[in-house]
Amino acid sequence: MRELDYTVLKFLYKNKKPIKVSQIARKLNIIHSTLGSCVKRLKANGHVNYEPFFEVSLTNLGKEVAKELIRHEQLLELLFYNELGMTAEEAHTESSKLNLLLSCDTINKICEKYGHPKKCPSGNDIINSKNCACELKFKT
């Protein structure tokens, strides 16, 4: 998967409802044709439901990947805030840049270190994950 694929999955998860490709492109400031290729890739991998000229929505598989990606960001945010003394805003910004670099095992260790926290420093609920979706099912 490409970084754009992950960005779109997270966007769709947070959006919570189906949305047209043109609207996603506008909200994420991505060229329509680039986003169209991304959505086709995500559909081929079973992450989204999509037919041309209709809305895009996440499949169950896509929801699980998005949840794990967001969880990675949130737990990295917590680590940066607590261990590096970053502000909540700085930690949030940096965690979104680095969340794809760490394995789920490492992320799970961060979660365990902080006693399975319920909120990240930016105030959002940390999404629960029973297993690590990106390691178990979604390697590409």
Protein backbone atom coordinates (compact mmCIF):
# COMPACT_ATOMS: atom_id res chain seq x y z
CA MET A 1 0.00 0.00 0.00
CA ARG A 2 1.03 3.56 -0.59
CA GLU A 3 0.89 6.42 1.87
CA LEU A 4 -2.02 7.94 -0.07
CA ASP A 5 -3.98 4.70 0.36
CA TYR A 6 -3.56 4.94 4.12
CA THR A 7 -4.55 8.62 4.08
CA VAL A 8 -7.74 7.83 2.18
CA LEU A 9 -8.63 4.91 4.47
CA LYS A 10 -8.25 7.11 7.55
CA PHE A 11 -10.26 9.90 5.92
CA LEU A 12 -13.11 7.54 5.01
CA TYR A 13 -13.15 6.07 8.52
CA LYS A 14 -13.32 9.50 10.14
CA ASN A 15 -15.91 10.71 7.62
CA LYS A 16 -18.25 7.87 8.72
CA LYS A 17 -20.43 7.99 5.60
CA PRO A 18 -20.02 7.23 1.88
CA ILE A 19 -18.63 10.07 -0.18
CA LYS A 20 -17.91 10.76 -3.86
CA VAL A 21 -14.36 10.66 -5.20
CA SER A 22 -14.58 14.32 -6.23
CA GLN A 23 -15.49 15.32 -2.67
CA ILE A 24 -12.60 13.32 -1.21
CA ALA A 25 -10.21 14.90 -3.73
CA ARG A 26 -11.42 18.36 -2.78
CA LYS A 27 -11.25 17.79 0.99
CA LEU A 28 -7.79 16.18 0.85
CA ASN A 29 -6.52 18.55 -1.86
CA ILE A 30 -5.52 15.68 -4.14
CA ILE A 31 -5.77 15.64 -7.92
CA HIS A 32 -8.93 13.77 -8.94
CA SER A 33 -7.15 11.34 -11.30
CA THR A 34 -4.57 10.47 -8.62
CA LEU A 35 -7.31 9.82 -6.10
CA GLY A 36 -9.26 7.78 -8.67
CA SER A 37 -6.27 5.47 -9.10
CA CYS A 38 -5.98 5.15 -5.34
CA VAL A 39 -9.66 4.23 -4.93
CA LYS A 40 -9.36 1.61 -7.69
CA ARG A 41 -6.35 0.11 -5.87
CA LEU A 42 -8.22 0.09 -2.57
CA LYS A 43 -11.20 -1.58 -4.23
CA ALA A 44 -8.99 -4.24 -5.84
CA ASN A 45 -7.54 -5.00 -2.40
CA GLY A 46 -10.99 -5.26 -0.82
CA HIS A 47 -10.72 -2.13 1.31
CA VAL A 48 -13.50 -0.05 -0.26
CA ASN A 49 -16.78 -0.44 -2.07
CA TYR A 50 -16.89 1.70 -5.19
CA GLU A 51 -18.44 1.90 -8.62
CA PRO A 52 -17.69 4.79 -11.01
CA PHE A 53 -19.91 7.83 -10.47
CA PHE A 54 -21.09 6.51 -7.09
CA GLU A 55 -19.87 7.02 -3.55
CA VAL A 56 -16.91 5.31 -1.89
CA SER A 57 -17.36 3.46 1.40
CA LEU A 58 -15.14 1.27 3.52
CA THR A 59 -15.53 -2.48 3.62
CA ASN A 60 -15.14 -4.25 6.96
CA LEU A 61 -11.55 -4.98 5.97
CA GLY A 62 -10.97 -1.30 5.18
CA LYS A 63 -12.45 -0.26 8.53
CA GLU A 64 -10.09 -2.58 10.40
CA VAL A 65 -7.04 -1.25 8.56
CA ALA A 66 -8.13 2.36 9.17
CA LYS A 67 -8.72 1.70 12.87
CA GLU A 68 -5.27 0.21 13.27
CA LEU A 69 -3.63 3.12 11.42
CA ILE A 70 -5.38 5.64 13.64
CA ARG A 71 -4.46 3.62 16.73
CA HIS A 72 -0.80 3.70 15.67
CA GLU A 73 -0.93 7.49 15.40
CA GLN A 74 -2.65 7.91 18.73
CA LEU A 75 -0.21 5.72 20.64
CA LEU A 76 2.80 7.39 19.02
CA GLU A 77 1.28 10.72 20.00
CA LEU A 78 1.13 9.52 23.60
CA LEU A 79 4.76 8.37 23.52
CA PHE A 80 6.00 11.66 22.05
CA TYR A 81 4.00 13.68 24.56
CA ASN A 82 5.10 11.70 27.60
CA GLU A 83 8.69 10.85 26.73
CA LEU A 84 9.83 13.75 24.57
CA GLY A 85 7.91 16.55 26.25
CA MET A 86 6.20 17.66 23.06
CA THR A 87 2.98 19.62 23.24
CA ALA A 88 -0.16 17.68 22.37
CA GLU A 89 -0.29 19.50 19.02
CA GLU A 90 3.36 18.75 18.19
CA ALA A 91 2.98 15.12 19.21
CA HIS A 92 -0.15 14.79 17.06
CA THR A 93 1.54 16.30 14.01
CA GLU A 94 4.69 14.18 14.32
CA SER A 95 2.81 10.94 15.01
CA SER A 96 0.89 11.25 11.75
CA LYS A 97 4.20 11.42 9.86
CA LEU A 98 5.73 8.35 11.47
CA ASN A 99 2.94 5.90 12.16
CA LEU A 100 3.70 3.74 9.12
CA LEU A 101 7.30 3.16 10.16
CA LEU A 102 6.68 1.09 13.28
CA SER A 103 5.45 -2.47 13.52
CA CYS A 104 2.28 -3.40 15.33
CA ASP A 105 4.39 -5.22 17.93
CA THR A 106 6.12 -1.95 18.75
CA ILE A 107 2.82 -0.07 18.87
CA ASN A 108 1.37 -2.75 21.15
CA LYS A 109 4.36 -2.34 23.49
CA ILE A 110 3.67 1.40 23.69
CA CYS A 111 0.05 0.60 24.54
CA GLU A 112 1.13 -1.85 27.25
CA LYS A 113 3.72 0.60 28.67
CA TYR A 114 0.99 3.15 29.33
CA GLY A 115 -1.55 0.66 30.67
CA HIS A 116 -3.81 0.57 27.61
CA PRO A 117 -4.77 4.25 27.75
CA LYS A 118 -8.21 5.46 26.77
CA LYS A 119 -7.29 8.93 25.43
CA CYS A 120 -4.40 10.44 23.52
CA PRO A 121 -2.94 13.86 24.45
CA SER A 122 -5.04 15.63 21.83
CA GLY A 123 -8.13 14.42 23.72
CA ASN A 124 -9.40 11.83 21.26
CA ASP A 125 -10.44 8.35 22.36
CA ILE A 126 -7.83 5.76 21.48
CA ILE A 127 -9.40 3.20 19.23
CA ASN A 128 -9.36 -0.33 20.63
CA SER A 129 -7.87 -3.08 18.57
CA LYS A 130 -8.17 -6.74 19.46
CA ASN A 131 -5.39 -7.65 17.09
CA CYS A 132 -3.02 -5.92 14.78
CA ALA A 133 -4.83 -5.79 11.47
CA CYS A 134 -1.94 -4.42 9.43
CA GLU A 135 0.42 -7.25 10.38
CA LEU A 136 -2.01 -10.15 10.33
CA LYS A 137 -4.05 -9.58 7.21
CA PHE A 138 -3.04 -6.57 5.20
CA LYS A 139 0.59 -6.83 4.15
CA THR A 140 1.17 -5.93 0.53
